[in-house]
């Protein structure tokens, strides 16, 4: 059997799909994308963040990868409560915009994977 080559973008999107889909499993994502589970696990080791979206939508540590946590963002000393609220609200808005973007990208990736998987099944 010939070895398949996947673009780095596809690999990163597959990892992002696994990490951002609530309750997703490696098996399920690999089947949806038409790849081998071991391949996806390798990509998770290389491109993964070590975080996973649980079935309830909360962000947790991925059971597949244990990267040491990076430094936490510094909180300015002497920050007034109003400044802190404004900073946190801005961060929250940025995260919501990123989530919307990722949701759209995930939907496009899923549709493309289903399309191409349908093309190859003779």
PDB file of N, CA and C in Angstrom:
ATOM      1  N   UNK A   1       0.833  -1.169   0.000  1.00  0.00           N
ATOM      2  CA  UNK A   1       0.000   0.000   0.000  1.00  0.00           C
ATOM      3  C   UNK A   1       0.888   1.245   0.000  1.00  0.00           C
ATOM      4  N   UNK A   2       0.523   2.216  -0.804  1.00  0.00           N
ATOM      5  CA  UNK A   2       1.307   3.440  -0.925  1.00  0.00           C
ATOM      6  C   UNK A   2       1.128   4.317   0.311  1.00  0.00           C
ATOM      7  N   UNK A   3       2.182   4.963   0.685  1.00  0.00           N
ATOM      8  CA  UNK A   3       2.156   5.858   1.830  1.00  0.00           C
ATOM      9  C   UNK A   3       1.560   7.188   1.396  1.00  0.00           C
ATOM     10  N   UNK A   4       0.627   7.719   2.184  1.00  0.00           N
ATOM     11  CA  UNK A   4      -0.023   8.981   1.848  1.00  0.00           C
ATOM     12  C   UNK A   4       0.737  10.140   2.474  1.00  0.00           C
ATOM     13  N   UNK A   5       0.830  11.225   1.743  1.00  0.00           N
ATOM     14  CA  UNK A   5       1.457  12.441   2.255  1.00  0.00           C
ATOM     15  C   UNK A   5       0.371  13.484   2.472  1.00  0.00           C
ATOM     16  N   UNK A   6       0.340  14.038   3.656  1.00  0.00           N
ATOM     17  CA  UNK A   6      -0.640  15.061   4.000  1.00  0.00           C
ATOM     18  C   UNK A   6       0.088  16.380   4.217  1.00  0.00           C
ATOM     19  N   UNK A   7      -0.578  17.465   3.828  1.00  0.00           N
ATOM     20  CA  UNK A   7       0.043  18.775   4.010  1.00  0.00           C
ATOM     21  C   UNK A   7       0.076  19.123   5.497  1.00  0.00           C
ATOM     22  N   UNK A   8       0.987  19.990   5.851  1.00  0.00           N
ATOM     23  CA  UNK A   8       1.085  20.424   7.245  1.00  0.00           C
ATOM     24  C   UNK A   8      -0.205  21.123   7.668  1.00  0.00           C
ATOM     25  N   UNK A   9      -0.808  21.866   6.762  1.00  0.00           N
ATOM     26  CA  UNK A   9      -2.061  22.552   7.077  1.00  0.00           C
ATOM     27  C   UNK A   9      -3.148  21.534   7.427  1.00  0.00           C
ATOM     28  N   UNK A  10      -3.246  20.458   6.646  1.00  0.00           N
ATOM     29  CA  UNK A  10      -4.235  19.418   6.919  1.00  0.00           C
ATOM     30  C   UNK A  10      -3.968  18.778   8.277  1.00  0.00           C
ATOM     31  N   UNK A  11      -2.706  18.519   8.576  1.00  0.00           N
ATOM     32  CA  UNK A  11      -2.348  17.917   9.859  1.00  0.00           C
ATOM     33  C   UNK A  11      -2.755  18.813  11.014  1.00  0.00           C
ATOM     34  N   UNK A  12      -2.429  20.093  10.902  1.00  0.00           N
ATOM     35  CA  UNK A  12      -2.772  21.041  11.966  1.00  0.00           C
ATOM     36  C   UNK A  12      -4.289  21.170  12.114  1.00  0.00           C
ATOM     37  N   UNK A  13      -5.012  21.176  10.995  1.00  0.00           N
ATOM     38  CA  UNK A  13      -6.464  21.279  11.066  1.00  0.00           C
ATOM     39  C   UNK A  13      -7.075  20.025  11.688  1.00  0.00           C
ATOM     40  N   UNK A  14      -6.505  18.874  11.402  1.00  0.00           N
ATOM     41  CA  UNK A  14      -6.993  17.634  12.001  1.00  0.00           C
ATOM     42  C   UNK A  14      -6.788  17.654  13.513  1.00  0.00           C
ATOM     43  N   UNK A  15      -5.633  18.114  13.959  1.00  0.00           N
ATOM     44  CA  UNK A  15      -5.352  18.214  15.390  1.00  0.00           C
ATOM     45  C   UNK A  15      -6.304  19.219  16.025  1.00  0.00           C
ATOM     46  N   UNK A  16      -6.498  20.356  15.376  1.00  0.00           N
ATOM     47  CA  UNK A  16      -7.405  21.367  15.902  1.00  0.00           C
ATOM     48  C   UNK A  16      -8.832  20.818  15.976  1.00  0.00           C
ATOM     49  N   UNK A  17      -9.231  20.063  14.979  1.00  0.00           N
ATOM     50  CA  UNK A  17     -10.564  19.467  14.972  1.00  0.00           C
ATOM     51  C   UNK A  17     -10.732  18.555  16.181  1.00  0.00           C
ATOM     52  N   UNK A  18      -9.742  17.723  16.461  1.00  0.00           N
ATOM     53  CA  UNK A  18      -9.803  16.829  17.618  1.00  0.00           C
ATOM     54  C   UNK A  18      -9.853  17.631  18.917  1.00  0.00           C
ATOM     55  N   UNK A  19      -8.994  18.626  19.041  1.00  0.00           N
ATOM     56  CA  UNK A  19      -8.900  19.368  20.291  1.00  0.00           C
ATOM     57  C   UNK A  19     -10.101  20.268  20.543  1.00  0.00           C
ATOM     58  N   UNK A  20     -10.753  20.747  19.499  1.00  0.00           N
ATOM     59  CA  UNK A  20     -11.839  21.705  19.690  1.00  0.00           C
ATOM     60  C   UNK A  20     -13.233  21.085  19.602  1.00  0.00           C
ATOM     61  N   UNK A  21     -13.357  19.839  19.178  1.00  0.00           N
ATOM     62  CA  UNK A  21     -14.659  19.201  19.088  1.00  0.00           C
ATOM     63  C   UNK A  21     -15.027  18.611  20.445  1.00  0.00           C
ATOM     64  N   UNK A  22     -16.145  19.068  21.036  1.00  0.00           N
ATOM     65  CA  UNK A  22     -16.532  18.549  22.352  1.00  0.00           C
ATOM     66  C   UNK A  22     -16.789  17.038  22.307  1.00  0.00           C
ATOM     67  N   UNK A  23     -16.119  16.320  23.190  1.00  0.00           N
ATOM     68  CA  UNK A  23     -16.327  14.887  23.322  1.00  0.00           C
ATOM     69  C   UNK A  23     -15.774  14.038  22.188  1.00  0.00           C
ATOM     70  N   UNK A  24     -14.967  14.613  21.320  1.00  0.00           N
ATOM     71  CA  UNK A  24     -14.429  13.867  20.179  1.00  0.00           C
ATOM     72  C   UNK A  24     -13.425  12.819  20.641  1.00  0.00           C
ATOM     73  N   UNK A  25     -13.341  11.741  19.874  1.00  0.00           N
ATOM     74  CA  UNK A  25     -12.346  10.711  20.132  1.00  0.00           C
ATOM     75  C   UNK A  25     -11.386  10.648  18.962  1.00  0.00           C
ATOM     76  N   UNK A  26     -10.202  10.121  19.212  1.00  0.00           N
ATOM     77  CA  UNK A  26      -9.228   9.966  18.129  1.00  0.00           C
ATOM     78  C   UNK A  26      -9.823   9.062  17.054  1.00  0.00           C
ATOM     79  N   UNK A  27     -10.465   7.990  17.482  1.00  0.00           N
ATOM     80  CA  UNK A  27     -11.073   7.060  16.530  1.00  0.00           C
ATOM     81  C   UNK A  27     -12.103   7.768  15.638  1.00  0.00           C
ATOM     82  N   UNK A  28     -12.990   8.550  16.254  1.00  0.00           N
ATOM     83  CA  UNK A  28     -14.039   9.229  15.499  1.00  0.00           C
ATOM     84  C   UNK A  28     -13.482  10.241  14.503  1.00  0.00           C
ATOM     85  N   UNK A  29     -12.547  11.055  14.943  1.00  0.00           N
ATOM     86  CA  UNK A  29     -11.966  12.072  14.057  1.00  0.00           C
ATOM     87  C   UNK A  29     -11.185  11.394  12.939  1.00  0.00           C
ATOM     88  N   UNK A  30     -10.419  10.361  13.267  1.00  0.00           N
ATOM     89  CA  UNK A  30      -9.642   9.652  12.246  1.00  0.00           C
ATOM     90  C   UNK A  30     -10.570   9.042  11.197  1.00  0.00           C
ATOM     91  N   UNK A  31     -11.670   8.439  11.633  1.00  0.00           N
ATOM     92  CA  UNK A  31     -12.629   7.867  10.685  1.00  0.00           C
ATOM     93  C   UNK A  31     -13.247   8.948   9.809  1.00  0.00           C
ATOM     94  N   UNK A  32     -13.637  10.076  10.425  1.00  0.00           N
ATOM     95  CA  UNK A  32     -14.234  11.174   9.653  1.00  0.00           C
ATOM     96  C   UNK A  32     -13.286  11.690   8.571  1.00  0.00           C
ATOM     97  N   UNK A  33     -11.999  11.737   8.894  1.00  0.00           N
ATOM     98  CA  UNK A  33     -11.014  12.274   7.954  1.00  0.00           C
ATOM     99  C   UNK A  33     -10.427  11.208   7.036  1.00  0.00           C
ATOM    100  N   UNK A  34     -10.725   9.943   7.318  1.00  0.00           N
ATOM    101  CA  UNK A  34     -10.206   8.865   6.475  1.00  0.00           C
ATOM    102  C   UNK A  34      -8.723   8.606   6.677  1.00  0.00           C
ATOM    103  N   UNK A  35      -8.273   8.760   7.920  1.00  0.00           N
ATOM    104  CA  UNK A  35      -6.864   8.507   8.221  1.00  0.00           C
ATOM    105  C   UNK A  35      -6.772   7.442   9.310  1.00  0.00           C
ATOM    106  N   UNK A  36      -5.588   6.925   9.535  1.00  0.00           N
ATOM    107  CA  UNK A  36      -5.348   5.908  10.546  1.00  0.00           C
ATOM    108  C   UNK A  36      -5.213   6.584  11.913  1.00  0.00           C
ATOM    109  N   UNK A  37      -5.749   5.940  12.954  1.00  0.00           N
ATOM    110  CA  UNK A  37      -5.676   6.521  14.301  1.00  0.00           C
ATOM    111  C   UNK A  37      -4.245   6.818  14.724  1.00  0.00           C
ATOM    112  N   UNK A  38      -3.338   5.919  14.427  1.00  0.00           N
ATOM    113  CA  UNK A  38      -1.943   6.126  14.804  1.00  0.00           C
ATOM    114  C   UNK A  38      -1.347   7.363  14.153  1.00  0.00           C
ATOM    115  N   UNK A  39      -1.781   7.634  12.939  1.00  0.00           N
ATOM    116  CA  UNK A  39      -1.314   8.836  12.241  1.00  0.00           C
ATOM    117  C   UNK A  39      -1.778  10.082  12.981  1.00  0.00           C
ATOM    118  N   UNK A  40      -3.060  10.107  13.356  1.00  0.00           N
ATOM    119  CA  UNK A  40      -3.596  11.257  14.083  1.00  0.00           C
ATOM    120  C   UNK A  40      -2.913  11.403  15.438  1.00  0.00           C
ATOM    121  N   UNK A  41      -2.649  10.297  16.120  1.00  0.00           N
ATOM    122  CA  UNK A  41      -1.961  10.360  17.410  1.00  0.00           C
ATOM    123  C   UNK A  41      -0.559  10.961  17.249  1.00  0.00           C
ATOM    124  N   UNK A  42       0.134  10.597  16.178  1.00  0.00           N
ATOM    125  CA  UNK A  42       1.454  11.177  15.917  1.00  0.00           C
ATOM    126  C   UNK A  42       1.366  12.671  15.686  1.00  0.00           C
ATOM    127  N   UNK A  43       0.343  13.085  14.953  1.00  0.00           N
ATOM    128  CA  UNK A  43       0.158  14.520  14.711  1.00  0.00           C
ATOM    129  C   UNK A  43      -0.155  15.247  16.009  1.00  0.00           C
ATOM    130  N   UNK A  44      -0.919  14.603  16.893  1.00  0.00           N
ATOM    131  CA  UNK A  44      -1.227  15.227  18.178  1.00  0.00           C
ATOM    132  C   UNK A  44       0.034  15.433  19.006  1.00  0.00           C
ATOM    133  N   UNK A  45       0.975  14.519  18.918  1.00  0.00           N
ATOM    134  CA  UNK A  45       2.226  14.674  19.650  1.00  0.00           C
ATOM    135  C   UNK A  45       3.047  15.839  19.096  1.00  0.00           C
ATOM    136  N   UNK A  46       3.008  16.017  17.773  1.00  0.00           N
ATOM    137  CA  UNK A  46       3.815  17.056  17.139  1.00  0.00           C
ATOM    138  C   UNK A  46       3.130  18.421  17.203  1.00  0.00           C
ATOM    139  N   UNK A  47       1.846  18.473  16.837  1.00  0.00           N
ATOM    140  CA  UNK A  47       1.155  19.755  16.690  1.00  0.00           C
ATOM    141  C   UNK A  47       0.185  20.073  17.825  1.00  0.00           C
ATOM    142  N   UNK A  48      -0.082  19.125  18.697  1.00  0.00           N
ATOM    143  CA  UNK A  48      -1.091  19.313  19.739  1.00  0.00           C
ATOM    144  C   UNK A  48      -0.679  20.295  20.809  1.00  0.00           C
ATOM    145  N   UNK A  49      -1.686  20.844  21.465  1.00  0.00           N
ATOM    146  CA  UNK A  49      -1.452  21.802  22.546  1.00  0.00           C
ATOM    147  C   UNK A  49      -1.518  21.136  23.910  1.00  0.00           C
ATOM    148  N   UNK A  50      -1.992  19.893  23.956  1.00  0.00           N
ATOM    149  CA  UNK A  50      -2.157  19.220  25.229  1.00  0.00           C
ATOM    150  C   UNK A  50      -3.486  19.516  25.877  1.00  0.00           C
ATOM    151  N   UNK A  51      -4.340  20.264  25.193  1.00  0.00           N
ATOM    152  CA  UNK A  51      -5.667  20.603  25.704  1.00  0.00           C
ATOM    153  C   UNK A  51      -6.721  19.908  24.854  1.00  0.00           C
ATOM    154  N   UNK A  52      -7.893  19.660  25.453  1.00  0.00           N
ATOM    155  CA  UNK A  52      -8.977  18.969  24.776  1.00  0.00           C
ATOM    156  C   UNK A  52     -10.283  19.564  25.253  1.00  0.00           C
ATOM    157  N   UNK A  53     -11.272  19.703  24.356  1.00  0.00           N
ATOM    158  CA  UNK A  53     -12.584  20.181  24.733  1.00  0.00           C
ATOM    159  C   UNK A  53     -13.415  18.980  25.180  1.00  0.00           C
ATOM    160  N   UNK A  54     -13.843  18.984  26.429  1.00  0.00           N
ATOM    161  CA  UNK A  54     -14.626  17.883  26.979  1.00  0.00           C
ATOM    162  C   UNK A  54     -16.040  17.918  26.409  1.00  0.00           C
ATOM    163  N   UNK A  55     -16.806  16.865  26.666  1.00  0.00           N
ATOM    164  CA  UNK A  55     -18.170  16.760  26.150  1.00  0.00           C
ATOM    165  C   UNK A  55     -19.051  17.906  26.644  1.00  0.00           C
ATOM    166  N   UNK A  56     -18.773  18.440  27.831  1.00  0.00           N
ATOM    167  CA  UNK A  56     -19.574  19.551  28.343  1.00  0.00           C
ATOM    168  C   UNK A  56     -19.078  20.913  27.862  1.00  0.00           C
ATOM    169  N   UNK A  57     -18.055  20.930  27.013  1.00  0.00           N
ATOM    170  CA  UNK A  57     -17.553  22.170  26.435  1.00  0.00           C
ATOM    171  C   UNK A  57     -16.423  22.819  27.202  1.00  0.00           C
ATOM    172  N   UNK A  58     -16.024  22.243  28.339  1.00  0.00           N
ATOM    173  CA  UNK A  58     -14.929  22.826  29.110  1.00  0.00           C
ATOM    174  C   UNK A  58     -13.586  22.375  28.543  1.00  0.00           C
ATOM    175  N   UNK A  59     -12.584  23.180  28.739  1.00  0.00           N
ATOM    176  CA  UNK A  59     -11.240  22.873  28.260  1.00  0.00           C
ATOM    177  C   UNK A  59     -10.500  22.083  29.339  1.00  0.00           C
ATOM    178  N   UNK A  60      -9.978  20.914  28.964  1.00  0.00           N
ATOM    179  CA  UNK A  60      -9.275  20.057  29.910  1.00  0.00           C
ATOM    180  C   UNK A  60      -7.950  19.623  29.304  1.00  0.00           C
ATOM    181  N   UNK A  61      -7.155  18.933  30.097  1.00  0.00           N
ATOM    182  CA  UNK A  61      -5.911  18.371  29.580  1.00  0.00           C
ATOM    183  C   UNK A  61      -6.242  17.170  28.712  1.00  0.00           C
ATOM    184  N   UNK A  62      -5.538  17.038  27.607  1.00  0.00           N
ATOM    185  CA  UNK A  62      -5.758  15.908  26.723  1.00  0.00           C
ATOM    186  C   UNK A  62      -5.189  14.648  27.361  1.00  0.00           C
ATOM    187  N   UNK A  63      -5.937  13.543  27.319  1.00  0.00           N
ATOM    188  CA  UNK A  63      -5.420  12.306  27.900  1.00  0.00           C
ATOM    189  C   UNK A  63      -4.290  11.704  27.067  1.00  0.00           C
ATOM    190  N   UNK A  64      -4.106  12.196  25.856  1.00  0.00           N
ATOM    191  CA  UNK A  64      -3.106  11.639  24.958  1.00  0.00           C
ATOM    192  C   UNK A  64      -1.751  12.283  25.093  1.00  0.00           C
ATOM    193  N   UNK A  65      -1.696  13.456  25.660  1.00  0.00           N
ATOM    194  CA  UNK A  65      -0.459  14.213  25.632  1.00  0.00           C
ATOM    195  C   UNK A  65      -0.272  14.946  26.948  1.00  0.00           C
ATOM    196  N   UNK A  66       0.918  14.917  27.445  1.00  0.00           N
ATOM    197  CA  UNK A  66       1.190  15.637  28.684  1.00  0.00           C
ATOM    198  C   UNK A  66       2.382  16.557  28.484  1.00  0.00           C
ATOM    199  N   UNK A  67       2.108  17.709  27.914  1.00  0.00           N
ATOM    200  CA  UNK A  67       3.154  18.722  27.756  1.00  0.00           C
ATOM    201  C   UNK A  67       3.223  19.531  29.041  1.00  0.00           C
ATOM    202  N   UNK A  68       4.385  19.937  29.442  1.00  0.00           N
ATOM    203  CA  UNK A  68       4.456  20.782  30.626  1.00  0.00           C
ATOM    204  C   UNK A  68       3.789  22.121  30.342  1.00  0.00           C
ATOM    205  N   UNK A  69       3.039  22.633  31.291  1.00  0.00           N
ATOM    206  CA  UNK A  69       2.352  23.898  31.037  1.00  0.00           C
ATOM    207  C   UNK A  69       3.340  25.035  30.851  1.00  0.00           C
ATOM    208  N   UNK A  70       3.005  25.922  29.949  1.00  0.00           N
ATOM    209  CA  UNK A  70       3.856  27.076  29.690  1.00  0.00           C
ATOM    210  C   UNK A  70       3.641  28.135  30.753  1.00  0.00           C
ATOM    211  N   UNK A  71       4.419  29.182  30.673  1.00  0.00           N
ATOM    212  CA  UNK A  71       4.254  30.247  31.657  1.00  0.00           C
ATOM    213  C   UNK A  71       2.898  30.915  31.497  1.00  0.00           C
ATOM    214  N   UNK A  72       2.272  31.241  32.604  1.00  0.00           N
ATOM    215  CA  UNK A  72       0.971  31.904  32.536  1.00  0.00           C
ATOM    216  C   UNK A  72       1.183  33.375  32.198  1.00  0.00           C
ATOM    217  N   UNK A  73       0.202  33.975  31.539  1.00  0.00           N
ATOM    218  CA  UNK A  73       0.349  35.387  31.193  1.00  0.00           C
ATOM    219  C   UNK A  73       0.435  36.236  32.463  1.00  0.00           C
ATOM    220  N   UNK A  74       1.308  37.184  32.442  1.00  0.00           N
ATOM    221  CA  UNK A  74       1.529  38.030  33.616  1.00  0.00           C
ATOM    222  C   UNK A  74       0.369  38.991  33.810  1.00  0.00           C
ATOM    223  N   UNK A  75      -0.036  39.117  35.059  1.00  0.00           N
ATOM    224  CA  UNK A  75      -1.075  40.074  35.417  1.00  0.00           C
ATOM    225  C   UNK A  75      -0.361  41.302  35.964  1.00  0.00           C
ATOM    226  N   UNK A  76      -0.643  42.464  35.395  1.00  0.00           N
ATOM    227  CA  UNK A  76       0.040  43.682  35.849  1.00  0.00           C
ATOM    228  C   UNK A  76      -0.231  43.963  37.330  1.00  0.00           C
ATOM    229  N   UNK A  77       0.821  44.340  38.034  1.00  0.00           N
ATOM    230  CA  UNK A  77       0.670  44.699  39.449  1.00  0.00           C
ATOM    231  C   UNK A  77      -0.010  46.043  39.556  1.00  0.00           C
ATOM    232  N   UNK A  78      -0.828  46.184  40.592  1.00  0.00           N
ATOM    233  CA  UNK A  78      -1.497  47.453  40.824  1.00  0.00           C
ATOM    234  C   UNK A  78      -2.606  47.733  39.821  1.00  0.00           C
ATOM    235  N   UNK A  79      -3.105  46.728  39.188  1.00  0.00           N
ATOM    236  CA  UNK A  79      -4.166  46.910  38.191  1.00  0.00           C
ATOM    237  C   UNK A  79      -5.483  47.188  38.915  1.00  0.00           C
ATOM    238  N   UNK A  80      -6.167  48.237  38.490  1.00  0.00           N
ATOM    239  CA  UNK A  80      -7.452  48.594  39.085  1.00  0.00           C
ATOM    240  C   UNK A  80      -8.514  47.592  38.638  1.00  0.00           C
ATOM    241  N   UNK A  81      -9.543  47.396  39.457  1.00  0.00           N
ATOM    242  CA  UNK A  81     -10.596  46.443  39.083  1.00  0.00           C
ATOM    243  C   UNK A  81     -11.237  46.748  37.716  1.00  0.00           C
ATOM    244  N   UNK A  82     -11.405  48.037  37.416  1.00  0.00           N
ATOM    245  CA  UNK A  82     -11.996  48.411  36.121  1.00  0.00           C
ATOM    246  C   UNK A  82     -11.083  48.017  34.970  1.00  0.00           C
ATOM    247  N   UNK A  83      -9.779  48.202  35.175  1.00  0.00           N
ATOM    248  CA  UNK A  83      -8.816  47.815  34.149  1.00  0.00           C
ATOM    249  C   UNK A  83      -8.796  46.298  33.961  1.00  0.00           C
ATOM    250  N   UNK A  84      -8.862  45.592  35.066  1.00  0.00           N
ATOM    251  CA  UNK A  84      -8.865  44.125  34.999  1.00  0.00           C
ATOM    252  C   UNK A  84     -10.106  43.633  34.247  1.00  0.00           C
ATOM    253  N   UNK A  85     -11.260  44.194  34.563  1.00  0.00           N
ATOM    254  CA  UNK A  85     -12.498  43.803  33.887  1.00  0.00           C
ATOM    255  C   UNK A  85     -12.397  44.094  32.400  1.00  0.00           C
ATOM    256  N   UNK A  86     -11.888  45.272  32.044  1.00  0.00           N
ATOM    257  CA  UNK A  86     -11.746  45.630  30.636  1.00  0.00           C
ATOM    258  C   UNK A  86     -10.791  44.675  29.918  1.00  0.00           C
ATOM    259  N   UNK A  87      -9.673  44.334  30.589  1.00  0.00           N
ATOM    260  CA  UNK A  87      -8.703  43.405  29.990  1.00  0.00           C
ATOM    261  C   UNK A  87      -9.320  42.025  29.791  1.00  0.00           C
ATOM    262  N   UNK A  88     -10.027  41.543  30.798  1.00  0.00           N
ATOM    263  CA  UNK A  88     -10.645  40.219  30.704  1.00  0.00           C
ATOM    264  C   UNK A  88     -11.766  40.182  29.663  1.00  0.00           C
ATOM    265  N   UNK A  89     -12.553  41.266  29.570  1.00  0.00           N
ATOM    266  CA  UNK A  89     -13.613  41.320  28.561  1.00  0.00           C
ATOM    267  C   UNK A  89     -13.030  41.346  27.151  1.00  0.00           C
ATOM    268  N   UNK A  90     -11.931  42.061  26.968  1.00  0.00           N
ATOM    269  CA  UNK A  90     -11.282  42.085  25.656  1.00  0.00           C
ATOM    270  C   UNK A  90     -10.746  40.696  25.305  1.00  0.00           C
ATOM    271  N   UNK A  91     -10.144  40.035  26.282  1.00  0.00           N
ATOM    272  CA  UNK A  91      -9.666  38.675  26.049  1.00  0.00           C
ATOM    273  C   UNK A  91     -10.802  37.719  25.735  1.00  0.00           C
ATOM    274  N   UNK A  92     -11.910  37.881  26.440  1.00  0.00           N
ATOM    275  CA  UNK A  92     -13.079  37.045  26.209  1.00  0.00           C
ATOM    276  C   UNK A  92     -13.623  37.260  24.796  1.00  0.00           C
ATOM    277  N   UNK A  93     -13.697  38.503  24.352  1.00  0.00           N
ATOM    278  CA  UNK A  93     -14.184  38.799  22.996  1.00  0.00           C
ATOM    279  C   UNK A  93     -13.256  38.192  21.944  1.00  0.00           C
ATOM    280  N   UNK A  94     -11.949  38.270  22.190  1.00  0.00           N
ATOM    281  CA  UNK A  94     -10.999  37.681  21.245  1.00  0.00           C
ATOM    282  C   UNK A  94     -11.168  36.168  21.178  1.00  0.00           C
ATOM    283  N   UNK A  95     -11.376  35.535  22.323  1.00  0.00           N
ATOM    284  CA  UNK A  95     -11.574  34.087  22.348  1.00  0.00           C
ATOM    285  C   UNK A  95     -12.869  33.686  21.645  1.00  0.00           C
ATOM    286  N   UNK A  96     -13.913  34.461  21.832  1.00  0.00           N
ATOM    287  CA  UNK A  96     -15.178  34.163  21.136  1.00  0.00           C
ATOM    288  C   UNK A  96     -15.018  34.300  19.630  1.00  0.00           C
ATOM    289  N   UNK A  97     -14.309  35.309  19.180  1.00  0.00           N
ATOM    290  CA  UNK A  97     -14.078  35.481  17.743  1.00  0.00           C
ATOM    291  C   UNK A  97     -13.250  34.317  17.198  1.00  0.00           C
ATOM    292  N   UNK A  98     -12.257  33.895  17.939  1.00  0.00           N
ATOM    293  CA  UNK A  98     -11.427  32.763  17.523  1.00  0.00           C
ATOM    294  C   UNK A  98     -12.255  31.486  17.464  1.00  0.00           C
ATOM    295  N   UNK A  99     -13.136  31.283  18.448  1.00  0.00           N
ATOM    296  CA  UNK A  99     -13.990  30.098  18.458  1.00  0.00           C
ATOM    297  C   UNK A  99     -14.918  30.100  17.247  1.00  0.00           C
ATOM    298  N   UNK A 100     -15.481  31.244  16.900  1.00  0.00           N
ATOM    299  CA  UNK A 100     -16.350  31.335  15.731  1.00  0.00           C
ATOM    300  C   UNK A 100     -15.573  30.990  14.467  1.00  0.00           C
ATOM    301  N   UNK A 101     -14.373  31.508  14.354  1.00  0.00           N
ATOM    302  CA  UNK A 101     -13.523  31.219  13.198  1.00  0.00           C
ATOM    303  C   UNK A 101     -13.197  29.725  13.128  1.00  0.00           C
ATOM    304  N   UNK A 102     -12.827  29.140  14.256  1.00  0.00           N
ATOM    305  CA  UNK A 102     -12.486  27.724  14.283  1.00  0.00           C
ATOM    306  C   UNK A 102     -13.694  26.842  13.978  1.00  0.00           C
ATOM    307  N   UNK A 103     -14.865  27.240  14.446  1.00  0.00           N
ATOM    308  CA  UNK A 103     -16.078  26.474  14.151  1.00  0.00           C
ATOM    309  C   UNK A 103     -16.340  26.462  12.651  1.00  0.00           C
ATOM    310  N   UNK A 104     -16.190  27.601  12.012  1.00  0.00           N
ATOM    311  CA  UNK A 104     -16.379  27.686  10.566  1.00  0.00           C
ATOM    312  C   UNK A 104     -15.342  26.843   9.841  1.00  0.00           C
ATOM    313  N   UNK A 105     -14.095  26.936  10.248  1.00  0.00           N
ATOM    314  CA  UNK A 105     -13.041  26.137   9.615  1.00  0.00           C
ATOM    315  C   UNK A 105     -13.285  24.643   9.814  1.00  0.00           C
ATOM    316  N   UNK A 106     -13.745  24.260  11.000  1.00  0.00           N
ATOM    317  CA  UNK A 106     -14.017  22.852  11.290  1.00  0.00           C
ATOM    318  C   UNK A 106     -15.130  22.331  10.384  1.00  0.00           C
ATOM    319  N   UNK A 107     -16.180  23.136  10.193  1.00  0.00           N
ATOM    320  CA  UNK A 107     -17.283  22.719   9.332  1.00  0.00           C
ATOM    321  C   UNK A 107     -16.803  22.536   7.891  1.00  0.00           C
ATOM    322  N   UNK A 108     -15.959  23.431   7.423  1.00  0.00           N
ATOM    323  CA  UNK A 108     -15.419  23.323   6.068  1.00  0.00           C
ATOM    324  C   UNK A 108     -14.562  22.072   5.946  1.00  0.00           C
ATOM    325  N   UNK A 109     -13.722  21.819   6.943  1.00  0.00           N
ATOM    326  CA  UNK A 109     -12.856  20.637   6.927  1.00  0.00           C
ATOM    327  C   UNK A 109     -13.678  19.355   6.952  1.00  0.00           C
ATOM    328  N   UNK A 110     -14.742  19.319   7.750  1.00  0.00           N
ATOM    329  CA  UNK A 110     -15.585  18.132   7.813  1.00  0.00           C
ATOM    330  C   UNK A 110     -16.279  17.886   6.474  1.00  0.00           C
ATOM    331  N   UNK A 111     -16.798  18.934   5.860  1.00  0.00           N
ATOM    332  CA  UNK A 111     -17.454  18.770   4.555  1.00  0.00           C
ATOM    333  C   UNK A 111     -16.464  18.299   3.500  1.00  0.00           C
ATOM    334  N   UNK A 112     -15.268  18.860   3.509  1.00  0.00           N
ATOM    335  CA  UNK A 112     -14.255  18.452   2.534  1.00  0.00           C
ATOM    336  C   UNK A 112     -13.844  17.006   2.756  1.00  0.00           C
ATOM    337  N   UNK A 113     -13.687  16.611   3.999  1.00  0.00           N
ATOM    338  CA  UNK A 113     -13.303  15.233   4.297  1.00  0.00           C
ATOM    339  C   UNK A 113     -14.376  14.260   3.838  1.00  0.00           C
ATOM    340  N   UNK A 114     -15.641  14.588   4.078  1.00  0.00           N
ATOM    341  CA  UNK A 114     -16.731  13.710   3.634  1.00  0.00           C
ATOM    342  C   UNK A 114     -16.787  13.650   2.110  1.00  0.00           C
ATOM    343  N   UNK A 115     -16.570  14.789   1.466  1.00  0.00           N
ATOM    344  CA  UNK A 115     -16.595  14.821   0.003  1.00  0.00           C
ATOM    345  C   UNK A 115     -15.505  13.938  -0.573  1.00  0.00           C
ATOM    346  N   UNK A 116     -14.286  14.119  -0.100  1.00  0.00           N
ATOM    347  CA  UNK A 116     -13.173  13.345  -0.633  1.00  0.00           C
ATOM    348  C   UNK A 116     -13.237  11.875  -0.240  1.00  0.00           C
ATOM    349  N   UNK A 117     -13.782  11.572   0.922  1.00  0.00           N
ATOM    350  CA  UNK A 117     -13.955  10.181   1.329  1.00  0.00           C
ATOM    351  C   UNK A 117     -14.978   9.499   0.433  1.00  0.00           C
ATOM    352  N   UNK A 118     -16.015  10.225   0.043  1.00  0.00           N
ATOM    353  CA  UNK A 118     -17.019   9.671  -0.870  1.00  0.00           C
ATOM    354  C   UNK A 118     -16.470   9.440  -2.262  1.00  0.00           C
ATOM    355  N   UNK A 119     -15.525  10.261  -2.675  1.00  0.00           N
ATOM    356  CA  UNK A 119     -14.925  10.131  -4.011  1.00  0.00           C
ATOM    357  C   UNK A 119     -14.052   8.899  -4.116  1.00  0.00           C
ATOM    358  N   UNK A 120     -13.419   8.492  -3.033  1.00  0.00           N
ATOM    359  CA  UNK A 120     -12.447   7.399  -3.100  1.00  0.00           C
ATOM    360  C   UNK A 120     -13.059   6.031  -2.852  1.00  0.00           C
ATOM    361  N   UNK A 121     -14.290   5.959  -2.432  1.00  0.00           N
ATOM    362  CA  UNK A 121     -14.936   4.656  -2.184  1.00  0.00           C
ATOM    363  C   UNK A 121     -15.653   4.199  -3.435  1.00  0.00           C
ATOM    364  N   UNK A 122     -15.043   3.260  -4.117  1.00  0.00           N
ATOM    365  CA  UNK A 122     -15.590   2.800  -5.397  1.00  0.00           C
ATOM    366  C   UNK A 122     -16.544   1.701  -5.178  1.00  0.00           C
TER     367      UNK A 122
END
